[in-house]
Structure formats: C-alpha cells, structure tokens
N, C-alpha and C. Protein backbone atom coordinates (compact mmCIF):
# COMPACT_ATOMS: atom_id res chain seq x y z
N MET A 1 0.82 -1.19 0.00
CA MET A 1 0.00 0.00 0.00
C MET A 1 0.87 1.26 0.00
N ASN A 2 2.01 1.23 0.68
CA ASN A 2 2.90 2.39 0.69
C ASN A 2 3.46 2.66 -0.70
N VAL A 3 3.69 1.62 -1.47
CA VAL A 3 4.21 1.79 -2.83
C VAL A 3 3.19 2.53 -3.68
N ILE A 4 1.93 2.15 -3.57
CA ILE A 4 0.87 2.81 -4.33
C ILE A 4 0.78 4.27 -3.94
N GLY A 5 0.84 4.54 -2.64
CA GLY A 5 0.76 5.92 -2.17
C GLY A 5 1.93 6.76 -2.65
N SER A 6 3.10 6.16 -2.75
CA SER A 6 4.30 6.89 -3.19
C SER A 6 4.21 7.31 -4.65
N TYR A 7 3.56 6.49 -5.45
CA TYR A 7 3.48 6.77 -6.88
C TYR A 7 2.18 7.45 -7.33
N ALA A 8 1.22 7.61 -6.44
CA ALA A 8 -0.09 8.13 -6.82
C ALA A 8 0.00 9.55 -7.40
N LEU A 9 0.65 10.47 -6.69
CA LEU A 9 0.72 11.85 -7.16
C LEU A 9 1.54 11.99 -8.44
N PRO A 10 2.73 11.41 -8.53
CA PRO A 10 3.46 11.53 -9.81
C PRO A 10 2.70 10.92 -10.98
N LEU A 11 2.01 9.80 -10.76
CA LEU A 11 1.24 9.20 -11.84
C LEU A 11 0.06 10.08 -12.25
N MET A 12 -0.56 10.73 -11.28
CA MET A 12 -1.68 11.62 -11.59
C MET A 12 -1.20 12.82 -12.40
N ILE A 13 -0.07 13.38 -12.02
CA ILE A 13 0.48 14.52 -12.76
C ILE A 13 0.85 14.10 -14.17
N ALA A 14 1.52 12.94 -14.30
CA ALA A 14 1.89 12.44 -15.62
C ALA A 14 0.65 12.18 -16.46
N GLY A 15 -0.41 11.65 -15.86
CA GLY A 15 -1.66 11.39 -16.58
C GLY A 15 -2.29 12.68 -17.10
N ILE A 16 -2.27 13.71 -16.30
CA ILE A 16 -2.83 15.00 -16.73
C ILE A 16 -2.03 15.56 -17.90
N ILE A 17 -0.71 15.48 -17.80
CA ILE A 17 0.13 15.99 -18.90
C ILE A 17 -0.09 15.19 -20.17
N LEU A 18 -0.16 13.86 -20.05
CA LEU A 18 -0.39 13.02 -21.22
C LEU A 18 -1.76 13.29 -21.85
N LEU A 19 -2.78 13.47 -21.02
CA LEU A 19 -4.11 13.78 -21.52
C LEU A 19 -4.10 15.09 -22.29
N GLY A 20 -3.38 16.08 -21.75
CA GLY A 20 -3.26 17.37 -22.44
C GLY A 20 -2.55 17.24 -23.77
N LEU A 21 -1.53 16.39 -23.83
CA LEU A 21 -0.80 16.20 -25.09
C LEU A 21 -1.67 15.52 -26.14
N PHE A 22 -2.43 14.51 -25.71
CA PHE A 22 -3.29 13.79 -26.65
C PHE A 22 -4.45 14.65 -27.13
N ARG A 23 -4.95 15.52 -26.29
CA ARG A 23 -6.08 16.37 -26.67
C ARG A 23 -5.61 17.64 -27.37
N THR A 24 -4.32 17.84 -27.46
CA THR A 24 -3.70 18.99 -28.11
C THR A 24 -4.26 20.33 -27.61
N GLU A 25 -4.39 20.41 -26.31
CA GLU A 25 -4.84 21.67 -25.70
C GLU A 25 -3.63 22.34 -25.08
N ASN A 26 -3.70 23.65 -24.96
CA ASN A 26 -2.62 24.39 -24.35
C ASN A 26 -2.76 24.27 -22.83
N MET A 27 -2.03 23.36 -22.24
CA MET A 27 -2.15 23.05 -20.82
C MET A 27 -1.76 24.25 -19.95
N PHE A 28 -0.75 24.99 -20.40
CA PHE A 28 -0.31 26.14 -19.60
C PHE A 28 -1.40 27.19 -19.50
N ASN A 29 -2.08 27.48 -20.60
CA ASN A 29 -3.18 28.45 -20.56
C ASN A 29 -4.33 27.96 -19.69
N LEU A 30 -4.63 26.66 -19.74
CA LEU A 30 -5.66 26.11 -18.88
C LEU A 30 -5.26 26.24 -17.42
N PHE A 31 -3.98 25.99 -17.13
CA PHE A 31 -3.48 26.16 -15.77
C PHE A 31 -3.62 27.60 -15.32
N LEU A 32 -3.23 28.54 -16.17
CA LEU A 32 -3.34 29.96 -15.83
C LEU A 32 -4.79 30.38 -15.59
N ASP A 33 -5.71 29.87 -16.40
CA ASP A 33 -7.12 30.18 -16.20
C ASP A 33 -7.61 29.67 -14.84
N GLY A 34 -7.22 28.45 -14.50
CA GLY A 34 -7.60 27.89 -13.21
C GLY A 34 -7.00 28.66 -12.05
N ALA A 35 -5.74 29.03 -12.18
CA ALA A 35 -5.08 29.79 -11.12
C ALA A 35 -5.73 31.16 -10.95
N THR A 36 -6.10 31.79 -12.06
CA THR A 36 -6.78 33.10 -12.00
C THR A 36 -8.12 32.98 -11.30
N ASP A 37 -8.89 31.96 -11.63
CA ASP A 37 -10.18 31.75 -10.97
C ASP A 37 -9.98 31.49 -9.47
N GLY A 38 -8.94 30.72 -9.14
CA GLY A 38 -8.66 30.45 -7.73
C GLY A 38 -8.32 31.71 -6.96
N LEU A 39 -7.53 32.59 -7.56
CA LEU A 39 -7.18 33.85 -6.91
C LEU A 39 -8.40 34.75 -6.74
N LYS A 40 -9.27 34.78 -7.75
CA LYS A 40 -10.49 35.59 -7.64
C LYS A 40 -11.36 35.08 -6.49
N THR A 41 -11.49 33.77 -6.37
CA THR A 41 -12.27 33.20 -5.27
C THR A 41 -11.64 33.53 -3.93
N MET A 42 -10.31 33.42 -3.84
CA MET A 42 -9.62 33.72 -2.60
C MET A 42 -9.85 35.17 -2.18
N ILE A 43 -9.78 36.08 -3.13
CA ILE A 43 -9.98 37.50 -2.81
C ILE A 43 -11.42 37.73 -2.31
N LYS A 44 -12.39 36.99 -2.83
CA LYS A 44 -13.77 37.13 -2.38
C LYS A 44 -13.95 36.66 -0.94
N ILE A 45 -13.25 35.59 -0.56
CA ILE A 45 -13.52 34.99 0.75
C ILE A 45 -12.60 35.48 1.87
N ILE A 46 -11.51 36.16 1.55
CA ILE A 46 -10.58 36.60 2.59
C ILE A 46 -11.24 37.51 3.64
N PRO A 47 -12.05 38.50 3.27
CA PRO A 47 -12.69 39.33 4.32
C PRO A 47 -13.55 38.51 5.29
N SER A 48 -14.27 37.52 4.76
CA SER A 48 -15.08 36.67 5.63
C SER A 48 -14.21 35.88 6.58
N LEU A 49 -13.11 35.34 6.07
CA LEU A 49 -12.21 34.56 6.92
C LEU A 49 -11.57 35.40 8.00
N ILE A 50 -11.15 36.61 7.65
CA ILE A 50 -10.53 37.48 8.65
C ILE A 50 -11.53 37.82 9.75
N GLY A 51 -12.76 38.14 9.36
CA GLY A 51 -13.79 38.44 10.35
C GLY A 51 -14.09 37.26 11.24
N LEU A 52 -14.17 36.08 10.66
CA LEU A 52 -14.47 34.88 11.43
C LEU A 52 -13.35 34.53 12.41
N ILE A 53 -12.11 34.59 11.96
CA ILE A 53 -10.98 34.29 12.83
C ILE A 53 -10.89 35.30 13.97
N THR A 54 -11.11 36.57 13.65
CA THR A 54 -11.09 37.61 14.68
C THR A 54 -12.18 37.37 15.72
N ALA A 55 -13.37 37.03 15.28
CA ALA A 55 -14.48 36.80 16.21
C ALA A 55 -14.20 35.61 17.12
N VAL A 56 -13.66 34.54 16.58
CA VAL A 56 -13.35 33.36 17.41
C VAL A 56 -12.29 33.68 18.45
N GLU A 57 -11.24 34.37 18.05
CA GLU A 57 -10.19 34.71 19.01
C GLU A 57 -10.69 35.67 20.08
N MET A 58 -11.54 36.63 19.70
CA MET A 58 -12.12 37.54 20.69
C MET A 58 -13.02 36.77 21.66
N PHE A 59 -13.77 35.80 21.15
CA PHE A 59 -14.65 34.99 21.98
C PHE A 59 -13.85 34.21 23.01
N LYS A 60 -12.76 33.61 22.58
CA LYS A 60 -11.94 32.83 23.52
C LYS A 60 -11.24 33.75 24.52
N ALA A 61 -10.71 34.88 24.05
CA ALA A 61 -9.95 35.78 24.93
C ALA A 61 -10.84 36.49 25.93
N SER A 62 -12.10 36.69 25.61
CA SER A 62 -13.00 37.43 26.50
C SER A 62 -13.45 36.62 27.72
N GLY A 63 -13.25 35.31 27.68
CA GLY A 63 -13.70 34.46 28.78
C GLY A 63 -15.11 33.94 28.56
N ALA A 64 -15.74 34.32 27.47
CA ALA A 64 -17.10 33.86 27.18
C ALA A 64 -17.15 32.35 27.00
N LEU A 65 -16.08 31.77 26.47
CA LEU A 65 -16.04 30.31 26.31
C LEU A 65 -16.10 29.61 27.66
N ASP A 66 -15.39 30.16 28.64
CA ASP A 66 -15.42 29.56 29.99
C ASP A 66 -16.79 29.71 30.63
N VAL A 67 -17.43 30.85 30.42
CA VAL A 67 -18.77 31.06 30.97
C VAL A 67 -19.77 30.08 30.34
N MET A 68 -19.69 29.92 29.00
CA MET A 68 -20.60 28.99 28.33
C MET A 68 -20.34 27.56 28.74
N THR A 69 -19.06 27.21 28.93
CA THR A 69 -18.73 25.86 29.37
C THR A 69 -19.34 25.58 30.73
N GLY A 70 -19.21 26.53 31.64
CA GLY A 70 -19.79 26.36 32.97
C GLY A 70 -21.31 26.26 32.94
N SER A 71 -21.96 27.05 32.10
CA SER A 71 -23.42 27.02 32.06
C SER A 71 -23.95 25.78 31.34
N LEU A 72 -23.15 25.19 30.44
CA LEU A 72 -23.61 23.99 29.71
C LEU A 72 -23.23 22.69 30.42
N THR A 73 -22.50 22.78 31.51
CA THR A 73 -22.07 21.56 32.20
C THR A 73 -23.24 20.67 32.65
N PRO A 74 -24.33 21.22 33.23
CA PRO A 74 -25.44 20.33 33.62
C PRO A 74 -26.06 19.59 32.43
N VAL A 75 -26.22 20.28 31.33
CA VAL A 75 -26.77 19.64 30.13
C VAL A 75 -25.80 18.56 29.62
N ALA A 76 -24.50 18.88 29.62
CA ALA A 76 -23.50 17.92 29.17
C ALA A 76 -23.47 16.69 30.09
N ASN A 77 -23.60 16.91 31.39
CA ASN A 77 -23.65 15.78 32.32
C ASN A 77 -24.84 14.88 32.02
N PHE A 78 -25.98 15.49 31.73
CA PHE A 78 -27.17 14.72 31.41
C PHE A 78 -26.96 13.90 30.14
N LEU A 79 -26.24 14.46 29.17
CA LEU A 79 -25.98 13.78 27.90
C LEU A 79 -24.73 12.91 27.94
N HIS A 80 -24.09 12.81 29.12
CA HIS A 80 -22.87 12.01 29.31
C HIS A 80 -21.72 12.50 28.46
N ILE A 81 -21.61 13.81 28.32
CA ILE A 81 -20.49 14.43 27.63
C ILE A 81 -19.57 15.01 28.69
N PRO A 82 -18.30 14.60 28.73
CA PRO A 82 -17.38 15.12 29.76
C PRO A 82 -17.21 16.64 29.67
N ARG A 83 -16.98 17.25 30.82
CA ARG A 83 -16.86 18.71 30.89
C ARG A 83 -15.73 19.24 30.02
N ASP A 84 -14.62 18.54 29.94
CA ASP A 84 -13.50 19.05 29.18
C ASP A 84 -13.71 18.97 27.66
N VAL A 85 -14.79 18.34 27.22
CA VAL A 85 -15.11 18.25 25.80
C VAL A 85 -16.07 19.37 25.38
N ILE A 86 -16.72 20.01 26.34
CA ILE A 86 -17.70 21.05 26.04
C ILE A 86 -17.11 22.20 25.18
N PRO A 87 -15.89 22.69 25.48
CA PRO A 87 -15.35 23.75 24.61
C PRO A 87 -15.23 23.35 23.14
N ILE A 88 -14.92 22.08 22.88
CA ILE A 88 -14.87 21.63 21.49
C ILE A 88 -16.25 21.68 20.87
N ALA A 89 -17.26 21.28 21.63
CA ALA A 89 -18.63 21.30 21.11
C ALA A 89 -19.07 22.73 20.80
N ILE A 90 -18.57 23.69 21.53
CA ILE A 90 -18.93 25.09 21.30
C ILE A 90 -18.17 25.67 20.10
N ILE A 91 -16.89 25.40 20.03
CA ILE A 91 -16.02 26.03 19.03
C ILE A 91 -16.06 25.31 17.67
N ARG A 92 -16.26 23.99 17.66
CA ARG A 92 -16.17 23.23 16.41
C ARG A 92 -17.06 23.75 15.28
N PRO A 93 -18.31 24.15 15.53
CA PRO A 93 -19.13 24.66 14.43
C PRO A 93 -18.61 25.99 13.84
N VAL A 94 -17.69 26.64 14.56
CA VAL A 94 -17.20 27.93 14.12
C VAL A 94 -15.76 27.85 13.58
N SER A 95 -14.91 27.09 14.27
CA SER A 95 -13.50 27.08 13.91
C SER A 95 -12.90 25.69 14.02
N SER A 96 -12.45 25.17 12.92
CA SER A 96 -11.81 23.85 12.93
C SER A 96 -10.45 23.93 13.62
N GLY A 97 -9.69 24.97 13.33
CA GLY A 97 -8.38 25.12 13.95
C GLY A 97 -8.47 25.26 15.46
N GLY A 98 -9.46 26.04 15.92
CA GLY A 98 -9.66 26.19 17.37
C GLY A 98 -10.04 24.88 18.02
N ALA A 99 -10.89 24.11 17.35
CA ALA A 99 -11.32 22.82 17.90
C ALA A 99 -10.16 21.83 17.93
N ILE A 100 -9.33 21.82 16.91
CA ILE A 100 -8.18 20.92 16.87
C ILE A 100 -7.18 21.30 17.96
N ALA A 101 -6.99 22.60 18.19
CA ALA A 101 -6.09 23.04 19.28
C ALA A 101 -6.63 22.56 20.63
N MET A 102 -7.94 22.64 20.82
CA MET A 102 -8.53 22.15 22.07
C MET A 102 -8.43 20.63 22.17
N LEU A 103 -8.61 19.94 21.05
CA LEU A 103 -8.45 18.49 21.05
C LEU A 103 -7.02 18.12 21.43
N ASP A 104 -6.04 18.83 20.91
CA ASP A 104 -4.64 18.58 21.23
C ASP A 104 -4.40 18.76 22.73
N LYS A 105 -5.02 19.79 23.30
CA LYS A 105 -4.88 20.05 24.74
C LYS A 105 -5.49 18.90 25.56
N ILE A 106 -6.67 18.43 25.15
CA ILE A 106 -7.32 17.32 25.85
C ILE A 106 -6.47 16.05 25.75
N LEU A 107 -5.97 15.77 24.55
CA LEU A 107 -5.16 14.56 24.37
C LEU A 107 -3.87 14.64 25.17
N ALA A 108 -3.28 15.82 25.29
CA ALA A 108 -2.06 15.97 26.08
C ALA A 108 -2.34 15.89 27.57
N THR A 109 -3.51 16.34 27.99
CA THR A 109 -3.85 16.36 29.41
C THR A 109 -4.35 15.01 29.92
N VAL A 110 -5.36 14.44 29.28
CA VAL A 110 -5.97 13.22 29.79
C VAL A 110 -5.65 11.98 28.96
N GLY A 111 -5.05 12.17 27.80
CA GLY A 111 -4.61 11.05 26.98
C GLY A 111 -5.64 10.63 25.93
N PRO A 112 -5.14 10.02 24.86
CA PRO A 112 -6.03 9.63 23.76
C PRO A 112 -6.91 8.43 24.10
N ASP A 113 -6.53 7.64 25.09
CA ASP A 113 -7.32 6.46 25.45
C ASP A 113 -8.34 6.72 26.54
N SER A 114 -8.42 7.97 27.00
CA SER A 114 -9.45 8.32 27.98
C SER A 114 -10.78 8.51 27.27
N MET A 115 -11.85 8.45 28.02
CA MET A 115 -13.17 8.64 27.40
C MET A 115 -13.28 10.06 26.84
N SER A 116 -12.73 11.05 27.54
CA SER A 116 -12.75 12.43 27.04
C SER A 116 -11.98 12.55 25.74
N GLY A 117 -10.81 11.92 25.67
CA GLY A 117 -10.01 11.96 24.46
C GLY A 117 -10.70 11.29 23.29
N ARG A 118 -11.36 10.17 23.57
CA ARG A 118 -12.07 9.47 22.49
C ARG A 118 -13.28 10.26 22.00
N ILE A 119 -14.07 10.76 22.93
CA ILE A 119 -15.26 11.55 22.55
C ILE A 119 -14.84 12.80 21.79
N ALA A 120 -13.81 13.49 22.28
CA ALA A 120 -13.34 14.70 21.61
C ALA A 120 -12.84 14.39 20.20
N SER A 121 -12.15 13.27 20.04
CA SER A 121 -11.64 12.89 18.72
C SER A 121 -12.78 12.59 17.75
N VAL A 122 -13.75 11.83 18.22
CA VAL A 122 -14.90 11.49 17.36
C VAL A 122 -15.70 12.76 17.05
N MET A 123 -15.84 13.62 18.02
CA MET A 123 -16.59 14.86 17.81
C MET A 123 -15.90 15.74 16.77
N CYS A 124 -14.58 15.85 16.84
CA CYS A 124 -13.87 16.66 15.84
C CYS A 124 -13.97 16.05 14.45
N GLY A 125 -14.07 14.75 14.38
CA GLY A 125 -14.18 14.10 13.09
C GLY A 125 -15.58 14.06 12.51
N SER A 126 -16.58 14.22 13.35
CA SER A 126 -17.95 14.05 12.87
C SER A 126 -18.75 15.35 12.76
N CYS A 127 -18.22 16.44 13.27
CA CYS A 127 -18.93 17.73 13.21
C CYS A 127 -18.29 18.61 12.14
N GLU A 128 -19.09 19.45 11.57
CA GLU A 128 -18.65 20.36 10.50
C GLU A 128 -18.39 21.75 11.07
N THR A 129 -17.53 22.50 10.44
CA THR A 129 -17.34 23.90 10.79
C THR A 129 -18.43 24.69 10.06
N THR A 130 -19.61 24.64 10.63
CA THR A 130 -20.83 25.15 9.98
C THR A 130 -20.73 26.62 9.60
N VAL A 131 -20.35 27.45 10.54
CA VAL A 131 -20.32 28.89 10.27
C VAL A 131 -19.26 29.20 9.21
N TYR A 132 -18.11 28.58 9.33
CA TYR A 132 -17.04 28.78 8.35
C TYR A 132 -17.50 28.35 6.95
N THR A 133 -18.03 27.15 6.86
CA THR A 133 -18.46 26.61 5.57
C THR A 133 -19.54 27.48 4.94
N THR A 134 -20.52 27.87 5.73
CA THR A 134 -21.60 28.71 5.22
C THR A 134 -21.06 30.06 4.76
N THR A 135 -20.20 30.66 5.57
CA THR A 135 -19.65 31.96 5.23
C THR A 135 -18.82 31.91 3.95
N VAL A 136 -17.93 30.93 3.88
CA VAL A 136 -17.00 30.86 2.75
C VAL A 136 -17.73 30.48 1.46
N TYR A 137 -18.48 29.40 1.49
CA TYR A 137 -19.06 28.92 0.25
C TYR A 137 -20.22 29.79 -0.23
N TYR A 138 -21.07 30.23 0.68
CA TYR A 138 -22.15 31.11 0.27
C TYR A 138 -21.60 32.45 -0.18
N GLY A 139 -20.55 32.93 0.51
CA GLY A 139 -19.93 34.19 0.12
C GLY A 139 -19.26 34.10 -1.25
N ALA A 140 -18.66 32.94 -1.54
CA ALA A 140 -17.96 32.78 -2.82
C ALA A 140 -18.90 32.81 -4.02
N VAL A 141 -20.13 32.32 -3.82
CA VAL A 141 -21.07 32.30 -4.94
C VAL A 141 -22.11 33.43 -4.86
N GLY A 142 -21.99 34.27 -3.83
CA GLY A 142 -22.86 35.43 -3.76
C GLY A 142 -24.23 35.20 -3.17
N VAL A 143 -24.42 34.12 -2.40
CA VAL A 143 -25.71 33.88 -1.77
C VAL A 143 -25.82 34.74 -0.52
N SER A 144 -26.88 35.54 -0.43
CA SER A 144 -27.04 36.41 0.74
C SER A 144 -28.12 35.93 1.69
N LYS A 145 -29.08 35.17 1.22
CA LYS A 145 -30.15 34.65 2.07
C LYS A 145 -29.92 33.16 2.26
N ILE A 146 -29.51 32.81 3.50
CA ILE A 146 -29.16 31.41 3.75
C ILE A 146 -30.35 30.57 4.20
N ARG A 147 -31.48 31.20 4.40
CA ARG A 147 -32.72 30.56 4.80
C ARG A 147 -32.52 29.59 5.96
N HIS A 148 -32.74 28.32 5.75
CA HIS A 148 -32.72 27.35 6.84
C HIS A 148 -31.40 26.60 6.98
N THR A 149 -30.38 27.06 6.29
CA THR A 149 -29.11 26.35 6.28
C THR A 149 -28.51 26.22 7.67
N LEU A 150 -28.42 27.33 8.40
CA LEU A 150 -27.78 27.29 9.70
C LEU A 150 -28.57 26.42 10.70
N ILE A 151 -29.88 26.52 10.68
CA ILE A 151 -30.70 25.72 11.61
C ILE A 151 -30.48 24.23 11.34
N ALA A 152 -30.53 23.85 10.08
CA ALA A 152 -30.33 22.44 9.74
C ALA A 152 -28.92 21.99 10.06
N ALA A 153 -27.93 22.81 9.76
CA ALA A 153 -26.54 22.44 10.00
C ALA A 153 -26.24 22.35 11.50
N PHE A 154 -26.73 23.32 12.29
CA PHE A 154 -26.51 23.25 13.74
C PHE A 154 -27.23 22.06 14.35
N THR A 155 -28.38 21.71 13.83
CA THR A 155 -29.07 20.51 14.31
C THR A 155 -28.25 19.26 14.03
N ALA A 156 -27.67 19.19 12.85
CA ALA A 156 -26.81 18.05 12.51
C ALA A 156 -25.57 18.03 13.39
N ASP A 157 -24.98 19.19 13.66
CA ASP A 157 -23.80 19.25 14.55
C ASP A 157 -24.18 18.79 15.95
N PHE A 158 -25.31 19.25 16.46
CA PHE A 158 -25.75 18.86 17.79
C PHE A 158 -25.97 17.35 17.87
N ALA A 159 -26.59 16.78 16.86
CA ALA A 159 -26.81 15.33 16.82
C ALA A 159 -25.47 14.60 16.77
N ALA A 160 -24.52 15.11 15.99
CA ALA A 160 -23.20 14.47 15.91
C ALA A 160 -22.48 14.54 17.25
N MET A 161 -22.63 15.64 17.96
CA MET A 161 -21.99 15.76 19.28
C MET A 161 -22.56 14.76 20.27
N ILE A 162 -23.86 14.64 20.28
CA ILE A 162 -24.50 13.67 21.18
C ILE A 162 -24.12 12.25 20.78
N MET A 163 -24.17 11.96 19.49
CA MET A 163 -23.84 10.61 19.03
C MET A 163 -22.38 10.27 19.23
N SER A 164 -21.49 11.26 19.27
CA SER A 164 -20.09 11.00 19.59
C SER A 164 -19.97 10.40 20.98
N SER A 165 -20.68 10.99 21.91
CA SER A 165 -20.66 10.48 23.28
C SER A 165 -21.34 9.11 23.37
N VAL A 166 -22.48 8.97 22.71
CA VAL A 166 -23.22 7.69 22.74
C VAL A 166 -22.39 6.57 22.11
N ALA A 167 -21.81 6.84 20.95
CA ALA A 167 -21.03 5.83 20.25
C ALA A 167 -19.80 5.41 21.06
N CYS A 168 -19.08 6.39 21.62
CA CYS A 168 -17.91 6.06 22.42
C CYS A 168 -18.30 5.32 23.69
N GLY A 169 -19.42 5.72 24.30
CA GLY A 169 -19.90 5.01 25.48
C GLY A 169 -20.26 3.57 25.14
N PHE A 170 -20.89 3.36 23.98
CA PHE A 170 -21.30 2.02 23.56
C PHE A 170 -20.09 1.15 23.20
N ILE A 171 -19.14 1.71 22.48
CA ILE A 171 -18.01 0.93 22.00
C ILE A 171 -16.97 0.71 23.10
N PHE A 172 -16.66 1.72 23.89
CA PHE A 172 -15.54 1.64 24.83
C PHE A 172 -15.94 1.35 26.27
N SER A 173 -17.21 1.17 26.55
CA SER A 173 -17.61 0.86 27.94
C SER A 173 -17.86 -0.60 28.14
C-alpha cells in the first residue's frame, strides 16, 4: 500500500500531462485560467475569513467560552459528555483550527485512550465547521439569504456531538 501511495501523485500529474498532449490543448493556458479563478475566489472569501478568525479569538480571549462551558455543564452531564469536551462542542461549528487546538490540549492532558479523548476525537471528526463553511461557500457564490441552512446544520452538529458520546460510550464501555 505504501508503494501505491508513493506513486499516486506523480502518476496523476503524468496522466494529466499526457491527456493534455493527446487532446492537443494548451495546458499552460488552462493552468493559468484555473489559477486566475482560484485567486479571484480567494480574494472574495478573505474578508469573511478574517472576520471569522477575529471573532473566534475575541470569543476565547473574553472568557465567554469559559462562561458557556460552565453554564452547559449540567446539560452535558445529562448527555454524558465530559466537561473538558464542552469547549470543542462550542467552538467546532465555528473554527476547525480552534477545535483541533482544544483536542490537542485534551489529548495531552488526559490522553487519547481516555473517554474524554475518544469523545473529543470522534466529535472533531464528525462535526462540520458550519459557520465557516456557510460563510465561505455562500460568500464565494454570492448567496445572501441562507434561509434554513444554519438551523439544519446546527441541528446536525448537535446530533453528531451527542452521538459522539453515545457511540464512544457504547463501543468503549
């Protein structure tokens, strides 16, 4: 399997070049067109990303995350979600990087084989960065009315968070 993985990218690049030669298309111009479109998309989404990253960092620095963690502890206890996983449940729909940093902290503190480490890992893998995805993709195509997208996506995230705890409890208990 390692041999296949080592040759996959070079073979894919060679295949693209060969396809371009057989179709007699100007591959460099096609590449430039794609790169130009990519840069245009990046320029459209950068303001949204900067705003989102700033808001997440302000939220964490203000202490609001600690307040929300404390207020959600009774609900989390009822749902059998460990207290140290609550910050991931709060941040994950907004910031993947923030959630991964919190996951790293949990894994370093209590270990990957602890129930908190397992639930946090499954939660990071099964929840989407809803706000980021909605902001970036809807912003890139110019959608201004998101209608029921956030409600449906947050419902799915909430279900994934609960099922992370249920699945880990079922498998590892």
